[in-house]
PDB file of N, CA and C in Angstrom:
ATOM      1  N   MET A   1      90.864 118.802  81.963  1.00  0.00           N
ATOM      2  CA  MET A   1      92.348 118.592  82.107  1.00  0.00           C
ATOM      3  C   MET A   1      92.147 117.236  81.006  1.00  0.00           C
ATOM      4  N   ILE A   2      93.148 117.456  80.091  1.00  0.00           N
ATOM      5  CA  ILE A   2      93.542 116.234  78.890  1.00  0.00           C
ATOM      6  C   ILE A   2      94.481 115.343  79.587  1.00  0.00           C
ATOM      7  N   VAL A   3      93.695 114.314  79.648  1.00  0.00           N
ATOM      8  CA  VAL A   3      94.352 112.743  80.433  1.00  0.00           C
ATOM      9  C   VAL A   3      95.337 112.227  79.515  1.00  0.00           C
ATOM     10  N   CYS A   4      94.402 112.055  78.232  1.00  0.00           N
ATOM     11  CA  CYS A   4      95.211 110.997  76.992  1.00  0.00           C
ATOM     12  C   CYS A   4      95.534 112.097  75.813  1.00  0.00           C
ATOM     13  N   SER A   5      96.918 112.628  75.866  1.00  0.00           N
ATOM     14  CA  SER A   5      97.491 113.234  74.462  1.00  0.00           C
ATOM     15  C   SER A   5      96.993 112.613  73.281  1.00  0.00           C
ATOM     16  N   CYS A   6      97.202 111.484  73.516  1.00  0.00           N
ATOM     17  CA  CYS A   6      97.473 110.749  71.877  1.00  0.00           C
ATOM     18  C   CYS A   6      95.797 111.100  71.551  1.00  0.00           C
ATOM     19  N   ASN A   7      94.693 110.596  72.267  1.00  0.00           N
ATOM     20  CA  ASN A   7      93.859 110.503  71.993  1.00  0.00           C
ATOM     21  C   ASN A   7      92.460 112.073  72.147  1.00  0.00           C
ATOM     22  N   VAL A   8      93.332 112.926  72.730  1.00  0.00           N
ATOM     23  CA  VAL A   8      92.974 114.011  73.229  1.00  0.00           C
ATOM     24  C   VAL A   8      91.443 113.679  74.391  1.00  0.00           C
ATOM     25  N   LEU A   9      91.509 112.940  75.321  1.00  0.00           N
ATOM     26  CA  LEU A   9      90.815 112.749  75.794  1.00  0.00           C
ATOM     27  C   LEU A   9      90.883 113.713  77.461  1.00  0.00           C
ATOM     28  N   SER A  10      89.579 114.259  77.756  1.00  0.00           N
ATOM     29  CA  SER A  10      89.953 114.901  79.375  1.00  0.00           C
ATOM     30  C   SER A  10      89.207 114.005  80.139  1.00  0.00           C
ATOM     31  N   ASP A  11      89.143 114.383  81.761  1.00  0.00           N
ATOM     32  CA  ASP A  11      88.777 113.658  82.535  1.00  0.00           C
ATOM     33  C   ASP A  11      87.626 113.809  82.383  1.00  0.00           C
ATOM     34  N   GLN A  12      86.983 114.767  81.933  1.00  0.00           N
ATOM     35  CA  GLN A  12      85.261 114.712  82.078  1.00  0.00           C
ATOM     36  C   GLN A  12      84.844 113.613  80.950  1.00  0.00           C
ATOM     37  N   ASP A  13      85.754 113.725  80.177  1.00  0.00           N
ATOM     38  CA  ASP A  13      85.135 112.235  78.965  1.00  0.00           C
ATOM     39  C   ASP A  13      85.352 111.300  79.560  1.00  0.00           C
ATOM     40  N   VAL A  14      86.646 110.955  80.237  1.00  0.00           N
ATOM     41  CA  VAL A  14      86.569 109.981  81.200  1.00  0.00           C
ATOM     42  C   VAL A  14      85.272 109.331  82.096  1.00  0.00           C
ATOM     43  N   ARG A  15      85.018 110.589  82.558  1.00  0.00           N
ATOM     44  CA  ARG A  15      83.865 110.369  83.754  1.00  0.00           C
ATOM     45  C   ARG A  15      82.721 110.439  83.267  1.00  0.00           C
ATOM     46  N   ASN A  16      81.992 110.894  81.969  1.00  0.00           N
ATOM     47  CA  ASN A  16      81.245 110.772  81.129  1.00  0.00           C
ATOM     48  C   ASN A  16      80.991 109.138  80.751  1.00  0.00           C
ATOM     49  N   ALA A  17      81.945 108.799  80.104  1.00  0.00           N
ATOM     50  CA  ALA A  17      81.570 107.198  79.686  1.00  0.00           C
ATOM     51  C   ALA A  17      81.781 106.400  81.037  1.00  0.00           C
ATOM     52  N   VAL A  18      82.353 106.690  82.371  1.00  0.00           N
ATOM     53  CA  VAL A  18      82.017 105.949  83.558  1.00  0.00           C
ATOM     54  C   VAL A  18      80.524 105.759  83.854  1.00  0.00           C
ATOM     55  N   THR A  19      79.966 107.063  83.710  1.00  0.00           N
ATOM     56  CA  THR A  19      78.845 107.223  84.615  1.00  0.00           C
ATOM     57  C   THR A  19      77.827 106.845  83.708  1.00  0.00           C
ATOM     58  N   ALA A  20      77.845 106.649  82.299  1.00  0.00           N
ATOM     59  CA  ALA A  20      76.650 106.701  81.424  1.00  0.00           C
ATOM     60  C   ALA A  20      75.753 105.075  81.648  1.00  0.00           C
ATOM     61  N   PRO A  21      74.505 105.681  81.243  1.00  0.00           N
ATOM     62  CA  PRO A  21      73.599 104.707  81.748  1.00  0.00           C
ATOM     63  C   PRO A  21      73.536 103.405  80.969  1.00  0.00           C
ATOM     64  N   SER A  22      74.222 103.007  80.063  1.00  0.00           N
ATOM     65  CA  SER A  22      74.437 101.941  79.403  1.00  0.00           C
ATOM     66  C   SER A  22      75.219 100.935  79.616  1.00  0.00           C
ATOM     67  N   ASP A  23      76.835 101.194  79.485  1.00  0.00           N
ATOM     68  CA  ASP A  23      78.106 100.410  80.440  1.00  0.00           C
ATOM     69  C   ASP A  23      78.297 101.047  80.982  1.00  0.00           C
ATOM     70  N   PHE A  24      79.219 100.269  81.985  1.00  0.00           N
ATOM     71  CA  PHE A  24      79.887 100.638  83.056  1.00  0.00           C
ATOM     72  C   PHE A  24      80.947 100.030  83.026  1.00  0.00           C
ATOM     73  N   PRO A  25      82.090 100.825  82.039  1.00  0.00           N
ATOM     74  CA  PRO A  25      83.440 100.406  81.943  1.00  0.00           C
ATOM     75  C   PRO A  25      84.421 100.651  83.402  1.00  0.00           C
ATOM     76  N   ARG A  26      85.168  99.243  83.338  1.00  0.00           N
ATOM     77  CA  ARG A  26      85.655  99.128  84.762  1.00  0.00           C
ATOM     78  C   ARG A  26      87.234  99.007  84.562  1.00  0.00           C
ATOM     79  N   SER A  27      87.484  99.262  82.995  1.00  0.00           N
ATOM     80  CA  SER A  27      88.935  99.364  82.801  1.00  0.00           C
ATOM     81  C   SER A  27      89.576 100.135  81.959  1.00  0.00           C
ATOM     82  N   ALA A  28      90.503 100.779  81.277  1.00  0.00           N
ATOM     83  CA  ALA A  28      91.052 101.835  80.737  1.00  0.00           C
ATOM     84  C   ALA A  28      90.904 101.185  79.269  1.00  0.00           C
ATOM     85  N   LYS A  29      91.017 100.021  79.103  1.00  0.00           N
ATOM     86  CA  LYS A  29      90.422  99.603  77.607  1.00  0.00           C
ATOM     87  C   LYS A  29      88.983  99.973  77.424  1.00  0.00           C
ATOM     88  N   GLN A  30      87.788  99.530  78.096  1.00  0.00           N
ATOM     89  CA  GLN A  30      86.708  99.540  77.917  1.00  0.00           C
ATOM     90  C   GLN A  30      86.541 101.420  78.009  1.00  0.00           C
ATOM     91  N   VAL A  31      86.726 102.117  78.746  1.00  0.00           N
ATOM     92  CA  VAL A  31      86.947 103.121  78.475  1.00  0.00           C
ATOM     93  C   VAL A  31      87.284 103.839  77.243  1.00  0.00           C
ATOM     94  N   TYR A  32      88.436 103.377  76.422  1.00  0.00           N
ATOM     95  CA  TYR A  32      88.610 103.807  75.152  1.00  0.00           C
ATOM     96  C   TYR A  32      87.718 103.256  74.262  1.00  0.00           C
ATOM     97  N   GLY A  33      87.256 102.192  74.617  1.00  0.00           N
ATOM     98  CA  GLY A  33      86.479 101.509  73.507  1.00  0.00           C
ATOM     99  C   GLY A  33      85.097 102.577  73.722  1.00  0.00           C
ATOM    100  N   CYS A  34      84.317 102.998  74.657  1.00  0.00           N
ATOM    101  CA  CYS A  34      83.186 103.487  74.924  1.00  0.00           C
ATOM    102  C   CYS A  34      83.576 104.815  74.064  1.00  0.00           C
ATOM    103  N   LEU A  35      84.517 105.460  73.991  1.00  0.00           N
ATOM    104  CA  LEU A  35      85.114 106.847  73.268  1.00  0.00           C
ATOM    105  C   LEU A  35      85.564 106.549  71.977  1.00  0.00           C
ATOM    106  N   GLY A  36      85.266 105.488  71.828  1.00  0.00           N
ATOM    107  CA  GLY A  36      85.672 105.036  70.167  1.00  0.00           C
ATOM    108  C   GLY A  36      86.794 105.357  69.581  1.00  0.00           C
ATOM    109  N   CYS A  37      87.993 105.238  70.778  1.00  0.00           N
ATOM    110  CA  CYS A  37      89.466 105.210  70.204  1.00  0.00           C
ATOM    111  C   CYS A  37      90.221 104.198  71.010  1.00  0.00           C
ATOM    112  N   SER A  38      91.709 104.055  70.644  1.00  0.00           N
ATOM    113  CA  SER A  38      91.965 102.896  71.247  1.00  0.00           C
ATOM    114  C   SER A  38      93.521 103.634  72.624  1.00  0.00           C
ATOM    115  N   ALA A  39      93.812 102.465  73.174  1.00  0.00           N
ATOM    116  CA  ALA A  39      95.500 103.377  73.750  1.00  0.00           C
ATOM    117  C   ALA A  39      96.295 103.396  72.794  1.00  0.00           C
ATOM    118  N   GLU A  40      97.182 104.443  72.661  1.00  0.00           N
ATOM    119  CA  GLU A  40      98.348 104.234  72.009  1.00  0.00           C
ATOM    120  C   GLU A  40      99.252 104.123  72.571  1.00  0.00           C
ATOM    121  N   CYS A  41      99.876 105.065  73.481  1.00  0.00           N
ATOM    122  CA  CYS A  41     101.361 104.920  74.070  1.00  0.00           C
ATOM    123  C   CYS A  41     101.124 104.177  75.598  1.00  0.00           C
ATOM    124  N   GLY A  42      99.687 104.504  76.251  1.00  0.00           N
ATOM    125  CA  GLY A  42      99.721 103.853  77.314  1.00  0.00           C
ATOM    126  C   GLY A  42      99.850 104.622  78.513  1.00  0.00           C
ATOM    127  N   ARG A  43     100.513 105.855  78.736  1.00  0.00           N
ATOM    128  CA  ARG A  43     100.687 106.410  79.504  1.00  0.00           C
ATOM    129  C   ARG A  43      99.643 106.899  80.772  1.00  0.00           C
ATOM    130  N   CYS A  44      98.392 107.171  79.940  1.00  0.00           N
ATOM    131  CA  CYS A  44      97.324 107.911  80.471  1.00  0.00           C
ATOM    132  C   CYS A  44      96.238 106.660  81.105  1.00  0.00           C
ATOM    133  N   ALA A  45      96.852 105.302  81.006  1.00  0.00           N
ATOM    134  CA  ALA A  45      95.789 104.087  81.394  1.00  0.00           C
ATOM    135  C   ALA A  45      96.030 104.102  82.811  1.00  0.00           C
ATOM    136  N   ARG A  46      96.726 104.342  83.800  1.00  0.00           N
ATOM    137  CA  ARG A  46      96.784 104.601  85.168  1.00  0.00           C
ATOM    138  C   ARG A  46      95.989 105.671  85.717  1.00  0.00           C
ATOM    139  N   THR A  47      96.170 106.659  84.947  1.00  0.00           N
ATOM    140  CA  THR A  47      95.315 107.897  85.456  1.00  0.00           C
ATOM    141  C   THR A  47      93.420 107.889  84.789  1.00  0.00           C
ATOM    142  N   ILE A  48      93.364 107.323  84.281  1.00  0.00           N
ATOM    143  CA  ILE A  48      92.034 106.673  83.399  1.00  0.00           C
ATOM    144  C   ILE A  48      91.505 105.651  84.523  1.00  0.00           C
ATOM    145  N   LYS A  49      91.961 104.722  84.997  1.00  0.00           N
ATOM    146  CA  LYS A  49      92.042 103.772  86.130  1.00  0.00           C
ATOM    147  C   LYS A  49      91.851 104.506  87.612  1.00  0.00           C
ATOM    148  N   THR A  50      92.694 105.251  87.817  1.00  0.00           N
ATOM    149  CA  THR A  50      92.241 106.203  88.973  1.00  0.00           C
ATOM    150  C   THR A  50      90.925 106.820  88.849  1.00  0.00           C
ATOM    151  N   ILE A  51      90.823 107.651  87.956  1.00  0.00           N
ATOM    152  CA  ILE A  51      89.299 108.375  87.357  1.00  0.00           C
ATOM    153  C   ILE A  51      88.231 107.371  87.669  1.00  0.00           C
ATOM    154  N   ILE A  52      88.177 105.984  86.928  1.00  0.00           N
ATOM    155  CA  ILE A  52      87.305 105.111  87.135  1.00  0.00           C
ATOM    156  C   ILE A  52      87.120 104.646  88.612  1.00  0.00           C
ATOM    157  N   ASP A  53      88.139 104.610  89.736  1.00  0.00           N
ATOM    158  CA  ASP A  53      87.927 104.098  90.529  1.00  0.00           C
ATOM    159  C   ASP A  53      87.253 105.475  91.576  1.00  0.00           C
ATOM    160  N   GLU A  54      87.775 106.486  91.024  1.00  0.00           N
ATOM    161  CA  GLU A  54      87.077 107.856  91.823  1.00  0.00           C
ATOM    162  C   GLU A  54      85.469 107.755  91.530  1.00  0.00           C
ATOM    163  N   ALA A  55      85.042 107.690  90.358  1.00  0.00           N
ATOM    164  CA  ALA A  55      83.825 107.870  89.788  1.00  0.00           C
ATOM    165  C   ALA A  55      82.989 106.849  90.266  1.00  0.00           C
ATOM    166  N   LEU A  56      83.234 105.405  90.028  1.00  0.00           N
ATOM    167  CA  LEU A  56      82.354 104.389  90.876  1.00  0.00           C
ATOM    168  C   LEU A  56      82.486 104.055  92.086  1.00  0.00           C
ATOM    169  N   GLY A  57      83.681 104.582  92.738  1.00  0.00           N
ATOM    170  CA  GLY A  57      83.524 104.275  94.279  1.00  0.00           C
ATOM    171  C   GLY A  57      83.643 102.642  94.378  1.00  0.00           C
ATOM    172  N   PRO A  58      83.032 102.504  95.159  1.00  0.00           N
ATOM    173  CA  PRO A  58      83.418 100.933  95.552  1.00  0.00           C
ATOM    174  C   PRO A  58      82.755  99.777  94.430  1.00  0.00           C
ATOM    175  N   CYS A  59      82.197 100.439  93.511  1.00  0.00           N
ATOM    176  CA  CYS A  59      81.564  99.680  92.430  1.00  0.00           C
ATOM    177  C   CYS A  59      82.681  99.742  91.461  1.00  0.00           C
ATOM    178  N   ALA A  60      83.858 100.214  91.511  1.00  0.00           N
ATOM    179  CA  ALA A  60      85.023 100.038  90.929  1.00  0.00           C
ATOM    180  C   ALA A  60      85.322  98.682  90.484  1.00  0.00           C
ATOM    181  N   GLN A  61      85.416  97.741  91.888  1.00  0.00           N
ATOM    182  CA  GLN A  61      86.296  96.906  91.863  1.00  0.00           C
ATOM    183  C   GLN A  61      85.022  95.770  91.286  1.00  0.00           C
ATOM    184  N   ALA A  62      83.774  95.708  91.674  1.00  0.00           N
ATOM    185  CA  ALA A  62      82.350  94.883  91.294  1.00  0.00           C
ATOM    186  C   ALA A  62      81.615  95.410  92.340  1.00  0.00           C
ATOM    187  N   CYS A  63      80.087  95.219  91.284  1.00  0.00           N
ATOM    188  CA  CYS A  63      78.960  95.546  91.954  1.00  0.00           C
ATOM    189  C   CYS A  63      78.700  94.611  93.043  1.00  0.00           C
ATOM    190  N   CYS A  64      77.767  95.262  94.033  1.00  0.00           N
ATOM    191  CA  CYS A  64      77.538  94.942  94.958  1.00  0.00           C
ATOM    192  C   CYS A  64      76.135  94.833  95.388  1.00  0.00           C
ATOM    193  N   SER A  65      74.921  93.910  96.264  1.00  0.00           N
ATOM    194  CA  SER A  65      74.125  93.936  96.394  1.00  0.00           C
ATOM    195  C   SER A  65      73.372  95.829  96.817  1.00  0.00           C
ATOM    196  N   GLY A  66      72.558  95.991  96.287  1.00  0.00           N
ATOM    197  CA  GLY A  66      71.829  97.420  96.571  1.00  0.00           C
ATOM    198  C   GLY A  66      72.280  98.480  95.811  1.00  0.00           C
ATOM    199  N   CYS A  67      73.324  97.996  94.671  1.00  0.00           N
ATOM    200  CA  CYS A  67      74.290  98.917  93.721  1.00  0.00           C
ATOM    201  C   CYS A  67      73.214  98.997  92.651  1.00  0.00           C
ATOM    202  N   PRO A  68      73.168 100.272  92.506  1.00  0.00           N
ATOM    203  CA  PRO A  68      72.500 100.814  91.235  1.00  0.00           C
ATOM    204  C   PRO A  68      73.070 100.138  90.046  1.00  0.00           C
ATOM    205  N   HIS A  69      74.161  99.890  90.040  1.00  0.00           N
ATOM    206  CA  HIS A  69      74.720  99.246  88.836  1.00  0.00           C
ATOM    207  C   HIS A  69      74.287  97.891  88.522  1.00  0.00           C
ATOM    208  N   SER A  70      74.353  96.837  89.718  1.00  0.00           N
ATOM    209  CA  SER A  70      73.812  95.708  89.731  1.00  0.00           C
ATOM    210  C   SER A  70      72.298  95.709  89.426  1.00  0.00           C
ATOM    211  N   ASP A  71      71.683  96.788  89.926  1.00  0.00           N
ATOM    212  CA  ASP A  71      70.173  96.399  89.314  1.00  0.00           C
ATOM    213  C   ASP A  71      69.913  96.626  87.731  1.00  0.00           C
ATOM    214  N   LEU A  72      70.730  97.349  87.081  1.00  0.00           N
ATOM    215  CA  LEU A  72      70.847  97.777  85.772  1.00  0.00           C
ATOM    216  C   LEU A  72      71.157  96.183  85.343  1.00  0.00           C
ATOM    217  N   GLU A  73      72.093  95.957  85.794  1.00  0.00           N
ATOM    218  CA  GLU A  73      72.926  94.709  85.215  1.00  0.00           C
ATOM    219  C   GLU A  73      71.665  93.589  85.044  1.00  0.00           C
ATOM    220  N   GLU A  74      71.024  93.051  86.371  1.00  0.00           N
ATOM    221  CA  GLU A  74      69.904  92.419  86.278  1.00  0.00           C
ATOM    222  C   GLU A  74      68.950  92.444  85.210  1.00  0.00           C
ATOM    223  N   THR A  75      68.151  94.163  85.406  1.00  0.00           N
ATOM    224  CA  THR A  75      67.445  94.258  84.717  1.00  0.00           C
ATOM    225  C   THR A  75      67.591  93.722  83.047  1.00  0.00           C
ATOM    226  N   GLN A  76      68.864  94.004  82.641  1.00  0.00           N
ATOM    227  CA  GLN A  76      69.446  93.810  81.241  1.00  0.00           C
ATOM    228  C   GLN A  76      69.223  92.354  81.070  1.00  0.00           C
ATOM    229  N   GLU A  77      69.805  91.686  81.970  1.00  0.00           N
ATOM    230  CA  GLU A  77      69.712  90.211  81.868  1.00  0.00           C
ATOM    231  C   GLU A  77      68.293  89.856  81.782  1.00  0.00           C
ATOM    232  N   GLN A  78      67.242  90.094  82.431  1.00  0.00           N
ATOM    233  CA  GLN A  78      65.640  89.818  82.033  1.00  0.00           C
ATOM    234  C   GLN A  78      65.405  90.351  81.030  1.00  0.00           C
ATOM    235  N   VAL A  79      65.763  91.364  80.358  1.00  0.00           N
ATOM    236  CA  VAL A  79      65.308  91.710  79.100  1.00  0.00           C
ATOM    237  C   VAL A  79      65.601  90.628  77.748  1.00  0.00           C
ATOM    238  N   GLU A  80      67.090  90.280  78.090  1.00  0.00           N
ATOM    239  CA  GLU A  80      67.663  89.532  77.110  1.00  0.00           C
ATOM    240  C   GLU A  80      66.884  88.103  77.019  1.00  0.00           C
ATOM    241  N   PHE A  81      66.645  87.865  78.330  1.00  0.00           N
ATOM    242  CA  PHE A  81      65.956  86.549  78.500  1.00  0.00           C
ATOM    243  C   PHE A  81      65.029  86.589  77.729  1.00  0.00           C
ATOM    244  N   ALA A  82      63.964  87.298  78.098  1.00  0.00           N
ATOM    245  CA  ALA A  82      62.476  87.429  77.764  1.00  0.00           C
ATOM    246  C   ALA A  82      62.786  87.432  76.079  1.00  0.00           C
ATOM    247  N   LEU A  83      63.772  88.184  75.526  1.00  0.00           N
ATOM    248  CA  LEU A  83      63.826  88.333  74.051  1.00  0.00           C
ATOM    249  C   LEU A  83      64.070  86.945  73.331  1.00  0.00           C
ATOM    250  N   ALA A  84      65.266  86.295  74.336  1.00  0.00           N
ATOM    251  CA  ALA A  84      65.539  84.794  73.565  1.00  0.00           C
ATOM    252  C   ALA A  84      64.616  83.683  73.716  1.00  0.00           C
ATOM    253  N   ALA A  85      63.103  84.472  74.982  1.00  0.00           N
ATOM    254  CA  ALA A  85      62.496  83.284  75.146  1.00  0.00           C
ATOM    255  C   ALA A  85      61.114  83.468  73.957  1.00  0.00           C
ATOM    256  N   ALA A  86      61.225  84.419  73.391  1.00  0.00           N
ATOM    257  CA  ALA A  86      60.080  85.021  72.873  1.00  0.00           C
ATOM    258  C   ALA A  86      60.165  84.184  71.194  1.00  0.00           C
TER     259      ALA A  86
END
């Protein structure tokens, strides 16, 4: 189903961006960025936020301990620290 007619984004496009292994967007603006576009009229922002909340469940607000997203963030921080130290 098309959720953003300005950018022709489907609900599946949004879900794929939200569950991508690299970044975990938590706002409509971040989803637009991941998909290489920007908000035009803004009518879809609420729907996109609903899809984010559904896709991430409790992680939509903030990652908690034991969440696979927080594990990824910790790993990325360790890599960045190791690169900075080298």
